[in-house]
Amino acid sequence: ALRGVALGGAPREFVRNRRDAGCCGAGGLLPQSYPEIAREIARTRLREADALGAGALLTACPSCRRWLRKTDPDRDVRDVVEVLADGV
């Protein structure tokens, strides 16, 4: 019920998800140490989302939210808390 209200439908998950999830490139100060590597990791995740036909991206990681938005400013990337706050 809440999932439908907050998300507008069933979510799609990346092929690699949960325990097998891939990094978005924002972890471990990678953007500060190796920005191009971090950006390419983020681009890879964004291409994976495109392959799924994903619209908005939802994450529980504030670093991922910030980094994916920075990598693709036109992409709708939201935090779980934002979605719940808007939908409840």
N, C-alpha and C. Protein backbone atom coordinates (compact mmCIF):
# COMPACT_ATOMS: atom_id res chain seq x y z
N ALA A 1 0.82 -1.20 0.00
CA ALA A 1 0.00 0.00 0.00
C ALA A 1 0.86 1.26 0.00
N LEU A 2 1.74 1.39 0.98
CA LEU A 2 2.60 2.58 1.04
C LEU A 2 3.52 2.63 -0.18
N ARG A 3 4.02 1.48 -0.60
CA ARG A 3 4.91 1.44 -1.76
C ARG A 3 4.21 2.03 -2.98
N GLY A 4 2.96 1.63 -3.21
CA GLY A 4 2.21 2.16 -4.35
C GLY A 4 1.96 3.65 -4.24
N VAL A 5 1.66 4.13 -3.05
CA VAL A 5 1.39 5.55 -2.84
C VAL A 5 2.67 6.35 -3.03
N ALA A 6 3.74 5.90 -2.42
CA ALA A 6 4.99 6.66 -2.44
C ALA A 6 5.67 6.60 -3.80
N LEU A 7 5.65 5.46 -4.45
CA LEU A 7 6.40 5.29 -5.68
C LEU A 7 5.55 5.33 -6.94
N GLY A 8 4.26 5.20 -6.80
CA GLY A 8 3.42 5.21 -7.97
C GLY A 8 3.40 3.88 -8.71
N GLY A 9 3.93 2.85 -8.11
CA GLY A 9 3.95 1.54 -8.73
C GLY A 9 5.09 0.71 -8.18
N ALA A 10 5.19 -0.49 -8.68
CA ALA A 10 6.24 -1.40 -8.21
C ALA A 10 7.61 -0.91 -8.67
N PRO A 11 8.58 -0.90 -7.78
CA PRO A 11 9.93 -0.47 -8.17
C PRO A 11 10.64 -1.54 -8.99
N ARG A 12 11.59 -1.10 -9.79
CA ARG A 12 12.48 -2.01 -10.51
C ARG A 12 13.82 -1.96 -9.82
N GLU A 13 14.49 -3.09 -9.76
CA GLU A 13 15.80 -3.13 -9.10
C GLU A 13 16.89 -3.39 -10.12
N PHE A 14 18.06 -2.87 -9.81
CA PHE A 14 19.23 -3.18 -10.63
C PHE A 14 19.44 -4.68 -10.65
N VAL A 15 20.07 -5.18 -11.70
CA VAL A 15 20.37 -6.61 -11.78
C VAL A 15 21.26 -6.99 -10.60
N ARG A 16 22.29 -6.18 -10.36
CA ARG A 16 23.12 -6.39 -9.17
C ARG A 16 22.52 -5.54 -8.07
N ASN A 17 21.93 -6.17 -7.07
CA ASN A 17 21.25 -5.42 -6.02
C ASN A 17 21.46 -6.10 -4.67
N ARG A 18 20.99 -5.42 -3.65
CA ARG A 18 21.07 -5.90 -2.27
C ARG A 18 22.50 -6.28 -1.91
N ARG A 19 22.75 -7.51 -1.51
CA ARG A 19 24.12 -7.90 -1.11
C ARG A 19 25.11 -7.87 -2.26
N ASP A 20 24.61 -7.94 -3.48
CA ASP A 20 25.47 -7.96 -4.67
C ASP A 20 25.48 -6.60 -5.37
N ALA A 21 24.97 -5.57 -4.70
CA ALA A 21 24.84 -4.25 -5.33
C ALA A 21 26.20 -3.68 -5.71
N GLY A 22 26.20 -2.92 -6.79
CA GLY A 22 27.41 -2.23 -7.22
C GLY A 22 27.47 -0.84 -6.61
N CYS A 23 28.65 -0.35 -6.47
CA CYS A 23 28.88 0.99 -5.93
C CYS A 23 28.47 2.05 -6.95
N CYS A 24 28.10 3.22 -6.46
CA CYS A 24 27.75 4.33 -7.34
C CYS A 24 28.98 5.20 -7.63
N GLY A 25 30.09 4.91 -6.96
CA GLY A 25 31.31 5.69 -7.17
C GLY A 25 31.57 6.74 -6.10
N ALA A 26 30.68 6.88 -5.13
CA ALA A 26 30.81 7.94 -4.14
C ALA A 26 31.44 7.47 -2.83
N GLY A 27 31.70 6.21 -2.68
CA GLY A 27 32.20 5.69 -1.42
C GLY A 27 33.69 5.92 -1.21
N GLY A 28 34.09 5.90 0.05
CA GLY A 28 35.50 5.91 0.42
C GLY A 28 36.31 7.08 -0.08
N LEU A 29 35.68 8.23 -0.22
CA LEU A 29 36.34 9.45 -0.73
C LEU A 29 36.88 9.28 -2.15
N LEU A 30 36.35 8.32 -2.89
CA LEU A 30 36.80 8.10 -4.27
C LEU A 30 36.63 9.34 -5.15
N PRO A 31 35.52 10.09 -5.04
CA PRO A 31 35.41 11.29 -5.87
C PRO A 31 36.51 12.32 -5.61
N GLN A 32 37.02 12.37 -4.39
CA GLN A 32 38.09 13.30 -4.08
C GLN A 32 39.45 12.76 -4.51
N SER A 33 39.64 11.45 -4.40
CA SER A 33 40.93 10.84 -4.72
C SER A 33 41.10 10.56 -6.21
N TYR A 34 40.05 10.01 -6.82
CA TYR A 34 40.09 9.62 -8.23
C TYR A 34 38.77 10.00 -8.89
N PRO A 35 38.56 11.29 -9.13
CA PRO A 35 37.26 11.74 -9.62
C PRO A 35 36.83 11.11 -10.95
N GLU A 36 37.73 10.89 -11.87
CA GLU A 36 37.33 10.31 -13.15
C GLU A 36 36.90 8.85 -13.00
N ILE A 37 37.58 8.12 -12.15
CA ILE A 37 37.17 6.72 -11.89
C ILE A 37 35.80 6.72 -11.22
N ALA A 38 35.61 7.59 -10.24
CA ALA A 38 34.33 7.67 -9.54
C ALA A 38 33.21 8.05 -10.50
N ARG A 39 33.49 8.98 -11.40
CA ARG A 39 32.48 9.41 -12.37
C ARG A 39 32.13 8.28 -13.34
N GLU A 40 33.12 7.50 -13.76
CA GLU A 40 32.85 6.39 -14.66
C GLU A 40 32.03 5.29 -13.97
N ILE A 41 32.28 5.06 -12.69
CA ILE A 41 31.47 4.10 -11.94
C ILE A 41 30.02 4.58 -11.90
N ALA A 42 29.82 5.87 -11.63
CA ALA A 42 28.47 6.44 -11.60
C ALA A 42 27.81 6.32 -12.97
N ARG A 43 28.56 6.62 -14.02
CA ARG A 43 27.99 6.50 -15.37
C ARG A 43 27.57 5.06 -15.67
N THR A 44 28.35 4.11 -15.19
CA THR A 44 28.00 2.69 -15.38
C THR A 44 26.67 2.39 -14.71
N ARG A 45 26.49 2.85 -13.48
CA ARG A 45 25.22 2.62 -12.77
C ARG A 45 24.07 3.31 -13.50
N LEU A 46 24.30 4.51 -14.00
CA LEU A 46 23.25 5.23 -14.72
C LEU A 46 22.88 4.51 -16.02
N ARG A 47 23.86 3.95 -16.71
CA ARG A 47 23.58 3.16 -17.92
C ARG A 47 22.77 1.92 -17.56
N GLU A 48 23.09 1.29 -16.43
CA GLU A 48 22.32 0.13 -15.97
C GLU A 48 20.87 0.53 -15.71
N ALA A 49 20.67 1.69 -15.13
CA ALA A 49 19.30 2.18 -14.88
C ALA A 49 18.58 2.42 -16.20
N ASP A 50 19.28 3.00 -17.16
CA ASP A 50 18.68 3.24 -18.47
C ASP A 50 18.28 1.93 -19.14
N ALA A 51 19.12 0.92 -19.01
CA ALA A 51 18.82 -0.39 -19.61
C ALA A 51 17.56 -1.01 -19.00
N LEU A 52 17.28 -0.69 -17.75
CA LEU A 52 16.06 -1.17 -17.08
C LEU A 52 14.84 -0.35 -17.47
N GLY A 53 15.06 0.79 -18.10
CA GLY A 53 13.96 1.70 -18.38
C GLY A 53 13.52 2.46 -17.16
N ALA A 54 14.44 2.65 -16.23
CA ALA A 54 14.12 3.31 -14.97
C ALA A 54 13.84 4.80 -15.19
N GLY A 55 12.93 5.30 -14.40
CA GLY A 55 12.68 6.74 -14.36
C GLY A 55 13.53 7.33 -13.26
N ALA A 56 12.89 7.71 -12.17
CA ALA A 56 13.61 8.23 -11.01
C ALA A 56 14.41 7.11 -10.36
N LEU A 57 15.55 7.47 -9.81
CA LEU A 57 16.36 6.52 -9.06
C LEU A 57 16.15 6.77 -7.59
N LEU A 58 16.06 5.70 -6.84
CA LEU A 58 15.83 5.78 -5.41
C LEU A 58 16.99 5.11 -4.69
N THR A 59 17.54 5.80 -3.70
CA THR A 59 18.66 5.26 -2.95
C THR A 59 18.48 5.56 -1.47
N ALA A 60 19.11 4.74 -0.65
CA ALA A 60 19.12 4.99 0.78
C ALA A 60 20.46 5.57 1.20
N CYS A 61 21.31 5.88 0.23
CA CYS A 61 22.66 6.39 0.51
C CYS A 61 22.76 7.86 0.09
N PRO A 62 22.94 8.77 1.04
CA PRO A 62 23.05 10.18 0.69
C PRO A 62 24.25 10.49 -0.21
N SER A 63 25.33 9.74 -0.06
CA SER A 63 26.48 9.95 -0.93
C SER A 63 26.15 9.58 -2.37
N CYS A 64 25.43 8.48 -2.56
CA CYS A 64 25.02 8.08 -3.91
C CYS A 64 24.07 9.11 -4.51
N ARG A 65 23.13 9.56 -3.72
CA ARG A 65 22.18 10.58 -4.19
C ARG A 65 22.93 11.80 -4.71
N ARG A 66 23.83 12.30 -3.92
CA ARG A 66 24.59 13.50 -4.29
C ARG A 66 25.46 13.24 -5.52
N TRP A 67 26.16 12.12 -5.56
CA TRP A 67 27.11 11.84 -6.64
C TRP A 67 26.40 11.54 -7.96
N LEU A 68 25.31 10.78 -7.92
CA LEU A 68 24.57 10.51 -9.15
C LEU A 68 23.94 11.77 -9.70
N ARG A 69 23.44 12.63 -8.82
CA ARG A 69 22.90 13.92 -9.28
C ARG A 69 24.00 14.79 -9.89
N LYS A 70 25.17 14.77 -9.30
CA LYS A 70 26.28 15.57 -9.83
C LYS A 70 26.74 15.02 -11.18
N THR A 71 26.74 13.71 -11.32
CA THR A 71 27.18 13.09 -12.57
C THR A 71 26.17 13.35 -13.69
N ASP A 72 24.88 13.32 -13.37
CA ASP A 72 23.82 13.57 -14.35
C ASP A 72 22.78 14.49 -13.72
N PRO A 73 22.98 15.81 -13.82
CA PRO A 73 22.09 16.76 -13.15
C PRO A 73 20.63 16.68 -13.62
N ASP A 74 20.39 16.13 -14.80
CA ASP A 74 19.02 16.03 -15.31
C ASP A 74 18.29 14.80 -14.78
N ARG A 75 19.01 13.90 -14.13
CA ARG A 75 18.42 12.66 -13.62
C ARG A 75 17.69 12.93 -12.31
N ASP A 76 16.53 12.33 -12.15
CA ASP A 76 15.78 12.44 -10.90
C ASP A 76 16.28 11.36 -9.95
N VAL A 77 17.09 11.76 -8.98
CA VAL A 77 17.65 10.83 -7.99
C VAL A 77 17.16 11.28 -6.63
N ARG A 78 16.50 10.38 -5.91
CA ARG A 78 15.92 10.74 -4.62
C ARG A 78 16.35 9.77 -3.54
N ASP A 79 16.30 10.26 -2.33
CA ASP A 79 16.55 9.45 -1.15
C ASP A 79 15.23 8.83 -0.71
N VAL A 80 15.30 7.65 -0.12
CA VAL A 80 14.11 6.96 0.37
C VAL A 80 13.29 7.87 1.29
N VAL A 81 13.95 8.60 2.15
CA VAL A 81 13.25 9.46 3.11
C VAL A 81 12.48 10.55 2.37
N GLU A 82 13.06 11.11 1.30
CA GLU A 82 12.35 12.13 0.52
C GLU A 82 11.05 11.56 -0.07
N VAL A 83 11.13 10.37 -0.62
CA VAL A 83 9.96 9.75 -1.24
C VAL A 83 8.89 9.46 -0.21
N LEU A 84 9.30 8.93 0.92
CA LEU A 84 8.33 8.63 1.97
C LEU A 84 7.69 9.91 2.49
N ALA A 85 8.47 10.96 2.66
CA ALA A 85 7.93 12.23 3.15
C ALA A 85 6.93 12.81 2.16
N ASP A 86 7.21 12.68 0.88
CA ASP A 86 6.30 13.20 -0.15
C ASP A 86 5.04 12.36 -0.29
N GLY A 87 5.16 11.04 -0.02
CA GLY A 87 4.05 10.14 -0.26
C GLY A 87 3.15 9.87 0.93
N VAL A 88 3.56 10.28 2.08
CA VAL A 88 2.77 9.97 3.29
C VAL A 88 2.01 11.18 3.74
